[in-house]
N, C-alpha and C. Protein backbone atom coordinates (compact mmCIF):
# COMPACT_ATOMS: atom_id res chain seq x y z
N MET A 1 10.19 16.59 12.07
CA MET A 1 11.32 15.82 11.98
C MET A 1 11.98 16.90 10.43
N THR A 2 13.00 17.41 10.30
CA THR A 2 13.50 18.22 9.36
C THR A 2 14.27 16.86 8.12
N GLU A 3 14.56 17.70 6.88
CA GLU A 3 15.29 16.34 6.54
C GLU A 3 16.37 16.45 6.68
N GLU A 4 17.54 17.43 6.95
CA GLU A 4 18.87 17.09 7.95
C GLU A 4 18.78 16.38 8.83
N GLU A 5 17.22 16.52 10.24
CA GLU A 5 17.44 15.17 11.55
C GLU A 5 17.02 14.46 10.59
N ILE A 6 16.55 13.85 9.49
CA ILE A 6 15.94 12.23 8.97
C ILE A 6 17.45 11.59 8.79
N ILE A 7 18.04 12.60 7.72
CA ILE A 7 19.44 12.15 6.88
C ILE A 7 20.35 11.76 8.42
N GLU A 8 20.47 12.20 9.44
CA GLU A 8 21.27 12.52 10.21
C GLU A 8 21.15 11.06 10.93
N LYS A 9 19.53 10.78 11.49
CA LYS A 9 19.23 9.25 11.95
C LYS A 9 19.26 8.24 11.10
N PHE A 10 18.79 8.42 9.54
CA PHE A 10 19.35 7.25 8.89
C PHE A 10 20.63 6.76 8.77
N GLU A 11 21.53 7.59 9.04
CA GLU A 11 23.13 7.62 9.16
C GLU A 11 23.45 6.72 10.43
N ARG A 12 22.90 7.86 11.44
CA ARG A 12 22.91 7.03 12.96
C ARG A 12 22.38 5.65 13.23
N GLU A 13 21.77 5.34 12.51
CA GLU A 13 20.70 3.99 13.15
C GLU A 13 21.12 3.45 11.82
N ASN A 14 21.71 3.41 10.33
CA ASN A 14 22.23 2.55 9.80
C ASN A 14 20.67 1.85 8.85
N ILE A 15 20.04 3.12 8.72
CA ILE A 15 18.18 2.97 8.29
C ILE A 15 19.08 3.30 6.35
N THR A 16 18.38 2.55 5.67
CA THR A 16 18.47 2.65 4.25
C THR A 16 17.23 2.56 3.44
N LEU A 17 16.54 3.12 2.30
CA LEU A 17 15.31 3.44 2.10
C LEU A 17 15.54 2.06 0.86
N ALA A 18 14.42 1.56 1.21
CA ALA A 18 13.81 -0.02 -0.23
C ALA A 18 14.29 0.91 -1.30
N PRO A 19 14.47 -0.34 -2.16
CA PRO A 19 14.88 -0.63 -3.02
C PRO A 19 13.55 -0.47 -4.30
N ILE A 20 13.13 0.07 -5.18
CA ILE A 20 11.84 -0.29 -5.95
C ILE A 20 11.72 -1.32 -5.92
N SER A 21 12.66 -2.41 -6.59
CA SER A 21 12.44 -3.81 -6.96
C SER A 21 11.93 -4.75 -5.78
N LYS A 22 12.33 -4.07 -4.25
CA LYS A 22 11.78 -4.79 -3.15
C LYS A 22 10.07 -3.83 -3.06
N ARG A 23 10.03 -3.17 -3.36
CA ARG A 23 8.44 -2.81 -2.90
C ARG A 23 7.77 -3.36 -4.23
N PHE A 24 8.13 -3.55 -5.52
CA PHE A 24 7.49 -4.01 -6.46
C PHE A 24 6.95 -5.43 -5.70
N PHE A 25 7.69 -6.48 -5.67
CA PHE A 25 7.35 -7.63 -5.53
C PHE A 25 6.74 -7.91 -4.08
N ALA A 26 6.79 -7.24 -3.31
CA ALA A 26 5.86 -6.67 -1.94
C ALA A 26 4.48 -6.09 -2.21
N HIS A 27 4.31 -5.57 -3.15
CA HIS A 27 2.84 -4.96 -3.35
C HIS A 27 2.34 -6.10 -4.53
N VAL A 28 3.54 -6.66 -5.12
CA VAL A 28 2.27 -8.10 -6.02
C VAL A 28 2.18 -9.51 -5.35
N ILE A 29 3.13 -9.72 -3.96
CA ILE A 29 2.93 -10.42 -2.94
C ILE A 29 1.34 -10.22 -2.38
N ASP A 30 1.55 -8.82 -2.29
CA ASP A 30 0.28 -8.30 -1.21
C ASP A 30 -1.35 -8.39 -1.93
N MET A 31 -1.11 -8.27 -3.54
CA MET A 31 -2.15 -8.11 -4.59
C MET A 31 -2.50 -9.91 -4.79
N PHE A 32 -1.38 -10.59 -4.54
CA PHE A 32 -1.63 -11.47 -5.24
C PHE A 32 -2.68 -12.61 -3.90
N LEU A 33 -2.29 -11.82 -2.21
CA LEU A 33 -2.68 -12.44 -1.35
C LEU A 33 -4.46 -12.02 -1.05
N ILE A 34 -4.86 -10.74 -1.93
CA ILE A 34 -5.80 -10.07 -1.36
C ILE A 34 -6.79 -10.74 -2.76
N ASN A 35 -6.23 -10.89 -3.89
CA ASN A 35 -6.80 -11.62 -5.13
C ASN A 35 -7.35 -13.22 -4.31
N ILE A 36 -6.73 -13.81 -4.11
CA ILE A 36 -7.01 -15.00 -3.26
C ILE A 36 -8.35 -14.97 -2.55
N LEU A 37 -8.01 -13.94 -1.14
CA LEU A 37 -9.26 -13.71 -0.81
C LEU A 37 -10.52 -13.48 -1.51
N ILE A 38 -10.49 -12.69 -2.19
CA ILE A 38 -11.77 -12.40 -3.19
C ILE A 38 -11.82 -13.13 -3.64
N ASN A 39 -11.38 -14.17 -4.30
CA ASN A 39 -11.77 -15.54 -5.30
C ASN A 39 -12.46 -16.61 -4.17
N ILE A 40 -12.12 -16.78 -3.06
CA ILE A 40 -12.71 -17.21 -2.10
C ILE A 40 -14.42 -16.85 -1.89
N LEU A 41 -14.13 -15.81 -1.56
CA LEU A 41 -15.26 -15.12 -1.26
C LEU A 41 -16.38 -15.43 -2.54
N TYR A 42 -16.50 -14.53 -3.40
CA TYR A 42 -16.94 -14.47 -4.67
C TYR A 42 -16.83 -15.20 -6.02
N SER A 43 -16.21 -16.76 -5.43
CA SER A 43 -16.09 -17.17 -6.78
C SER A 43 -17.39 -17.74 -6.79
N GLY A 44 -17.88 -17.85 -8.32
CA GLY A 44 -19.07 -18.02 -8.99
C GLY A 44 -20.72 -17.10 -8.31
N SER A 45 -20.40 -16.20 -7.64
CA SER A 45 -20.94 -15.31 -7.27
C SER A 45 -21.47 -14.52 -8.44
N LEU A 46 -21.51 -14.37 -9.40
CA LEU A 46 -21.86 -13.80 -10.36
C LEU A 46 -22.87 -14.56 -11.44
N GLU A 47 -22.11 -15.65 -11.45
CA GLU A 47 -23.36 -16.51 -12.24
C GLU A 47 -24.57 -16.76 -12.15
N ASN A 48 -24.93 -16.26 -10.95
CA ASN A 48 -26.24 -15.97 -10.39
C ASN A 48 -27.00 -15.47 -11.44
N PHE A 49 -26.79 -14.48 -11.82
CA PHE A 49 -27.48 -13.43 -12.47
C PHE A 49 -27.75 -13.28 -14.11
N THR A 50 -29.13 -13.08 -14.56
CA THR A 50 -29.08 -13.74 -15.82
C THR A 50 -29.04 -12.21 -17.02
N GLY A 51 -29.32 -11.27 -16.09
CA GLY A 51 -29.72 -9.91 -17.24
C GLY A 51 -28.40 -9.40 -17.19
N ASN A 52 -27.98 -8.55 -18.26
CA ASN A 52 -26.78 -7.61 -18.23
C ASN A 52 -26.58 -6.20 -16.97
N GLU A 53 -27.88 -6.35 -16.84
CA GLU A 53 -28.33 -4.84 -15.42
C GLU A 53 -27.23 -5.35 -14.26
N GLU A 54 -28.20 -6.56 -14.12
CA GLU A 54 -27.88 -7.66 -13.01
C GLU A 54 -26.61 -7.96 -12.46
N GLN A 55 -25.83 -7.98 -13.73
CA GLN A 55 -24.45 -8.10 -13.57
C GLN A 55 -23.42 -7.22 -13.59
N ILE A 56 -23.88 -6.30 -13.72
CA ILE A 56 -23.47 -4.31 -13.99
C ILE A 56 -23.50 -4.01 -12.17
N ASP A 57 -24.85 -4.23 -11.78
CA ASP A 57 -24.56 -3.68 -10.63
C ASP A 57 -24.11 -5.04 -9.43
N ALA A 58 -23.93 -5.91 -9.83
CA ALA A 58 -23.38 -7.00 -9.11
C ALA A 58 -21.34 -6.54 -9.31
N LEU A 59 -21.56 -6.55 -10.32
CA LEU A 59 -19.89 -5.69 -10.32
C LEU A 59 -19.64 -4.42 -9.79
N MET A 60 -20.39 -3.66 -9.63
CA MET A 60 -20.15 -2.72 -9.25
C MET A 60 -20.24 -2.48 -7.68
N LYS A 61 -20.61 -3.34 -7.54
CA LYS A 61 -21.21 -3.84 -5.94
C LYS A 61 -19.75 -4.62 -5.63
N LEU A 62 -19.01 -5.48 -6.04
CA LEU A 62 -17.74 -6.22 -6.10
C LEU A 62 -16.92 -5.14 -6.08
N LEU A 63 -16.80 -4.45 -6.95
CA LEU A 63 -15.54 -3.78 -6.90
C LEU A 63 -15.45 -2.33 -5.99
N PHE A 64 -16.63 -1.88 -5.46
CA PHE A 64 -16.44 -1.50 -4.00
C PHE A 64 -16.09 -1.86 -2.56
N ILE A 65 -16.44 -3.69 -2.57
CA ILE A 65 -15.96 -4.44 -2.36
C ILE A 65 -14.60 -4.77 -2.04
N ILE A 66 -13.58 -4.35 -3.34
CA ILE A 66 -12.55 -5.27 -3.76
C ILE A 66 -11.67 -3.52 -2.90
N ILE A 67 -12.25 -2.32 -3.51
CA ILE A 67 -11.29 -1.09 -3.05
C ILE A 67 -11.23 -1.26 -1.75
N THR A 68 -12.61 -1.53 -1.06
CA THR A 68 -12.62 -1.55 0.66
C THR A 68 -11.80 -2.32 1.18
N LEU A 69 -11.64 -3.85 0.60
CA LEU A 69 -10.56 -4.66 1.32
C LEU A 69 -9.07 -4.09 1.07
N HIS A 70 -8.90 -3.68 0.02
CA HIS A 70 -7.59 -3.25 -0.13
C HIS A 70 -7.51 -2.14 0.62
N VAL A 71 -7.73 -1.03 0.76
CA VAL A 71 -7.69 0.27 1.80
C VAL A 71 -7.73 -1.02 3.40
N ALA A 72 -8.49 -1.52 3.85
CA ALA A 72 -8.38 -2.53 4.95
C ALA A 72 -7.71 -3.00 5.41
N TYR A 73 -7.22 -3.91 4.52
CA TYR A 73 -5.68 -4.34 4.54
C TYR A 73 -4.65 -3.59 4.61
N GLN A 74 -4.47 -2.37 3.59
CA GLN A 74 -3.62 -2.04 3.33
C GLN A 74 -3.26 -0.76 5.43
N THR A 75 -4.50 -0.26 5.70
CA THR A 75 -4.51 0.56 7.23
C THR A 75 -3.80 -0.43 8.22
N PHE A 76 -5.05 -1.32 8.25
CA PHE A 76 -4.64 -2.67 9.34
C PHE A 76 -3.37 -2.84 9.62
N PHE A 77 -2.89 -3.43 8.36
CA PHE A 77 -1.20 -3.94 8.63
C PHE A 77 -0.08 -2.64 8.52
N VAL A 78 -0.33 -1.83 8.05
CA VAL A 78 0.48 -0.23 8.10
C VAL A 78 0.60 -0.20 9.53
N TYR A 79 -0.93 0.35 10.24
CA TYR A 79 -0.95 0.63 11.47
C TYR A 79 -0.32 -0.36 12.36
N MET A 80 -0.81 -1.28 12.23
CA MET A 80 -0.58 -2.83 13.16
C MET A 80 0.99 -2.77 13.69
N TYR A 81 1.27 -3.34 11.91
CA TYR A 81 2.95 -3.40 12.01
C TYR A 81 3.77 -2.69 11.22
N GLY A 82 3.27 -1.79 10.61
CA GLY A 82 4.29 -1.15 9.73
C GLY A 82 4.72 -1.49 8.72
N ALA A 83 3.72 -2.76 8.26
CA ALA A 83 4.25 -3.02 7.15
C ALA A 83 3.13 -4.07 6.97
N THR A 84 2.77 -4.22 5.37
CA THR A 84 1.83 -5.45 4.82
C THR A 84 2.54 -6.84 5.05
N LEU A 85 1.70 -7.67 4.70
CA LEU A 85 2.18 -9.27 4.49
C LEU A 85 3.29 -9.21 3.13
N GLY A 86 3.35 -8.60 2.29
CA GLY A 86 3.97 -8.55 1.52
C GLY A 86 5.83 -7.92 1.66
N LYS A 87 5.22 -6.65 2.25
CA LYS A 87 6.76 -5.94 3.07
C LYS A 87 7.46 -6.70 3.56
N ILE A 88 6.61 -7.62 4.86
CA ILE A 88 6.91 -8.49 5.72
C ILE A 88 7.85 -9.33 5.01
N PHE A 89 7.34 -9.94 4.40
CA PHE A 89 8.32 -10.90 3.65
C PHE A 89 9.11 -10.57 2.88
N MET A 90 9.27 -9.54 2.25
CA MET A 90 10.58 -8.62 1.43
C MET A 90 11.69 -7.92 2.23
N LYS A 91 11.11 -7.62 3.50
CA LYS A 91 11.63 -7.39 4.87
C LYS A 91 11.77 -6.19 4.41
N ILE A 92 10.91 -5.26 4.30
CA ILE A 92 11.16 -3.53 4.29
C ILE A 92 9.92 -3.47 5.16
N LYS A 93 9.65 -1.95 5.64
CA LYS A 93 8.52 -1.07 6.55
C LYS A 93 7.99 -0.15 6.27
N ILE A 94 7.53 0.70 6.34
CA ILE A 94 7.01 2.15 6.22
C ILE A 94 7.07 2.52 7.91
N VAL A 95 7.84 3.92 7.69
CA VAL A 95 7.85 4.22 8.77
C VAL A 95 7.32 6.05 8.25
N ALA A 96 7.00 6.45 9.48
CA ALA A 96 6.48 8.12 9.27
C ALA A 96 7.82 9.00 9.46
N THR A 97 7.77 9.88 8.02
CA THR A 97 8.77 11.15 8.25
C THR A 97 8.88 11.85 9.90
N TYR A 98 8.11 12.42 10.05
CA TYR A 98 7.86 12.86 11.74
C TYR A 98 8.82 12.37 12.78
N ASP A 99 8.62 11.06 12.88
CA ASP A 99 9.81 10.70 13.75
C ASP A 99 10.13 9.05 13.22
N LEU A 100 9.65 8.92 12.10
CA LEU A 100 10.60 7.26 11.68
C LEU A 100 10.20 6.29 12.80
N GLU A 101 8.78 6.03 12.96
CA GLU A 101 7.93 5.07 13.76
C GLU A 101 7.37 4.83 12.87
N THR A 102 6.58 3.56 13.42
CA THR A 102 5.02 3.18 12.42
C THR A 102 4.30 4.20 12.62
N PRO A 103 3.34 4.56 11.35
CA PRO A 103 2.53 5.69 10.89
C PRO A 103 1.27 5.05 12.12
N SER A 104 0.99 6.38 11.91
CA SER A 104 -0.60 6.76 13.24
C SER A 104 -1.38 5.85 12.00
N LEU A 105 -2.70 5.75 12.53
CA LEU A 105 -3.76 5.05 12.00
C LEU A 105 -4.85 5.83 11.35
N THR A 106 -4.23 7.34 11.42
CA THR A 106 -4.66 8.54 10.20
C THR A 106 -3.60 8.21 8.83
N ASN A 107 -2.33 8.52 9.31
CA ASN A 107 -1.57 8.37 7.87
C ASN A 107 -1.86 6.54 7.05
N ALA A 108 -1.88 6.31 7.80
CA ALA A 108 -2.08 4.37 7.36
C ALA A 108 -3.50 4.90 6.37
N LEU A 109 -4.34 5.20 7.13
CA LEU A 109 -5.59 5.46 6.33
C LEU A 109 -5.86 6.11 4.93
N ILE A 110 -4.65 7.46 5.05
CA ILE A 110 -4.48 8.06 4.09
C ILE A 110 -3.66 7.39 3.06
N ARG A 111 -2.61 6.79 3.61
CA ARG A 111 -1.52 6.00 2.47
C ARG A 111 -2.53 5.31 2.08
N ALA A 112 -3.65 4.65 2.37
CA ALA A 112 -4.36 3.26 1.96
C ALA A 112 -4.66 3.90 0.65
N ILE A 113 -5.70 5.04 0.82
CA ILE A 113 -6.50 5.42 0.20
C ILE A 113 -5.89 6.54 -0.76
N MET A 114 -4.81 6.76 -0.65
CA MET A 114 -4.57 7.15 -1.98
C MET A 114 -3.24 6.30 -2.84
N ARG A 115 -2.99 5.14 -2.13
CA ARG A 115 -2.41 4.00 -2.75
C ARG A 115 -3.41 3.15 -3.74
N ASN A 116 -4.88 3.34 -3.48
CA ASN A 116 -6.24 2.85 -4.42
C ASN A 116 -5.87 4.21 -5.65
N VAL A 117 -5.99 5.03 -5.44
CA VAL A 117 -6.45 6.49 -6.27
C VAL A 117 -4.72 6.73 -7.43
N SER A 118 -3.92 6.16 -6.92
CA SER A 118 -2.36 5.56 -7.35
C SER A 118 -2.66 4.74 -8.54
N GLU A 119 -3.66 3.48 -7.63
CA GLU A 119 -3.69 2.32 -9.02
C GLU A 119 -4.38 2.25 -9.97
N ILE A 120 -5.32 3.49 -9.74
CA ILE A 120 -6.98 3.63 -10.64
C ILE A 120 -6.34 4.63 -11.60
N VAL A 121 -5.06 5.54 -11.40
CA VAL A 121 -4.94 6.11 -12.32
C VAL A 121 -3.41 5.62 -12.58
N LEU A 122 -3.66 4.61 -13.00
CA LEU A 122 -2.82 3.81 -14.23
C LEU A 122 -1.45 3.61 -13.74
N PHE A 123 -1.45 3.71 -12.21
CA PHE A 123 0.07 3.73 -11.38
C PHE A 123 0.51 4.67 -11.50
N LEU A 124 0.51 5.62 -11.82
CA LEU A 124 1.49 7.28 -11.85
C LEU A 124 1.57 7.32 -10.56
N GLY A 125 1.18 7.27 -9.51
CA GLY A 125 1.91 7.30 -7.99
C GLY A 125 2.56 6.63 -7.83
N PHE A 126 2.93 5.56 -8.62
CA PHE A 126 3.81 4.57 -8.16
C PHE A 126 5.23 5.21 -9.24
N PHE A 127 4.99 5.14 -10.04
CA PHE A 127 6.10 5.76 -11.01
C PHE A 127 6.83 7.09 -10.77
N TRP A 128 6.16 7.49 -10.15
CA TRP A 128 6.51 9.06 -9.67
C TRP A 128 7.61 8.71 -8.59
N ALA A 129 7.72 7.67 -7.63
CA ALA A 129 8.65 7.49 -7.15
C ALA A 129 10.08 7.07 -7.63
N LEU A 130 10.31 6.80 -9.33
CA LEU A 130 11.37 6.24 -10.20
C LEU A 130 12.36 7.92 -10.10
N THR A 131 11.41 8.83 -10.02
CA THR A 131 12.09 10.39 -10.12
C THR A 131 12.56 10.91 -9.17
N ASN A 132 12.07 10.16 -7.46
CA ASN A 132 11.71 10.70 -6.61
C ASN A 132 13.39 10.69 -5.72
N PRO A 133 13.97 11.47 -5.11
CA PRO A 133 15.13 10.71 -4.14
C PRO A 133 14.83 10.31 -3.37
N LYS A 134 13.90 10.70 -2.55
CA LYS A 134 13.55 9.39 -1.48
C LYS A 134 12.64 8.31 -1.65
N ARG A 135 12.85 7.66 -2.74
CA ARG A 135 11.80 6.97 -3.63
C ARG A 135 10.15 7.09 -2.95
N GLU A 136 9.86 8.32 -2.72
CA GLU A 136 8.32 8.63 -2.46
C GLU A 136 7.11 8.68 -3.70
N THR A 137 6.10 7.86 -2.88
CA THR A 137 5.14 7.48 -4.22
C THR A 137 4.24 8.72 -3.85
N TRP A 138 2.97 8.66 -4.50
CA TRP A 138 2.15 9.78 -4.00
C TRP A 138 1.55 9.24 -2.54
N HIS A 139 1.36 7.86 -2.24
CA HIS A 139 0.81 7.62 -1.15
C HIS A 139 1.52 7.90 0.14
N ASP A 140 3.04 7.79 -0.06
CA ASP A 140 3.95 7.88 0.46
C ASP A 140 4.42 9.64 1.08
N ARG A 141 4.14 10.00 -0.53
CA ARG A 141 3.76 11.68 0.04
C ARG A 141 3.46 12.54 0.58
N THR A 142 1.56 11.93 0.46
CA THR A 142 0.25 12.88 1.31
C THR A 142 0.11 12.13 2.50
N ALA A 143 0.77 10.64 2.97
CA ALA A 143 0.43 10.43 4.24
C ALA A 143 1.85 10.52 4.88
N GLN A 144 2.71 11.16 4.52
CA GLN A 144 4.37 11.54 5.03
C GLN A 144 5.08 9.95 5.89
N THR A 145 5.69 9.15 5.16
CA THR A 145 5.66 7.85 5.17
C THR A 145 6.99 7.58 4.03
N LEU A 146 7.80 6.95 4.89
CA LEU A 146 9.18 6.28 3.58
C LEU A 146 9.19 4.56 3.77
N VAL A 147 9.78 4.31 3.12
CA VAL A 147 9.76 2.69 3.42
C VAL A 147 11.46 2.66 2.88
N VAL A 148 11.21 1.73 4.29
CA VAL A 148 13.05 1.24 4.55
C VAL A 148 12.80 0.15 4.84
N ASN A 149 14.49 -0.52 4.43
CA ASN A 149 14.93 -1.44 4.87
C ASN A 149 14.60 -2.25 6.54
N VAL A 150 14.69 -3.50 6.20
CA VAL A 150 14.40 -3.83 7.59
C VAL A 150 15.60 -4.94 7.54
N PHE A 151 16.78 -4.87 8.89
CA PHE A 151 18.09 -5.72 8.88
C PHE A 151 17.34 -6.51 9.90
């Protein structure tokens, strides 16, 4: 879908881009939910290690599991519903730019992976949306998605 076709469809179907504030609060909700899950699964697991090397190994494994959980959560909800739980609560959703429908599994996975990359590099990929007219983050741009309001 060309830029002009996207604009026409947005106007015809009264679609608007989600504001940064809604996206921010959706992100906070998602992080809160994922952190609750991680705390339930791993509370007290690092206390069993006595040496520093054991703790470092356990932390590295935990970091891998946390990143994997984030990617799985984002991919599943974006592919199945077009939105994570935080986005559903904030009444916004993710659409593919090529047809304005729910992203494919591949695009949802690419988006989730790039989202984690954006977080790891000090959220620079998120700040990109502040200067972009379509409010695209790095993960939106690489996965060819937009975040829109749901009415």
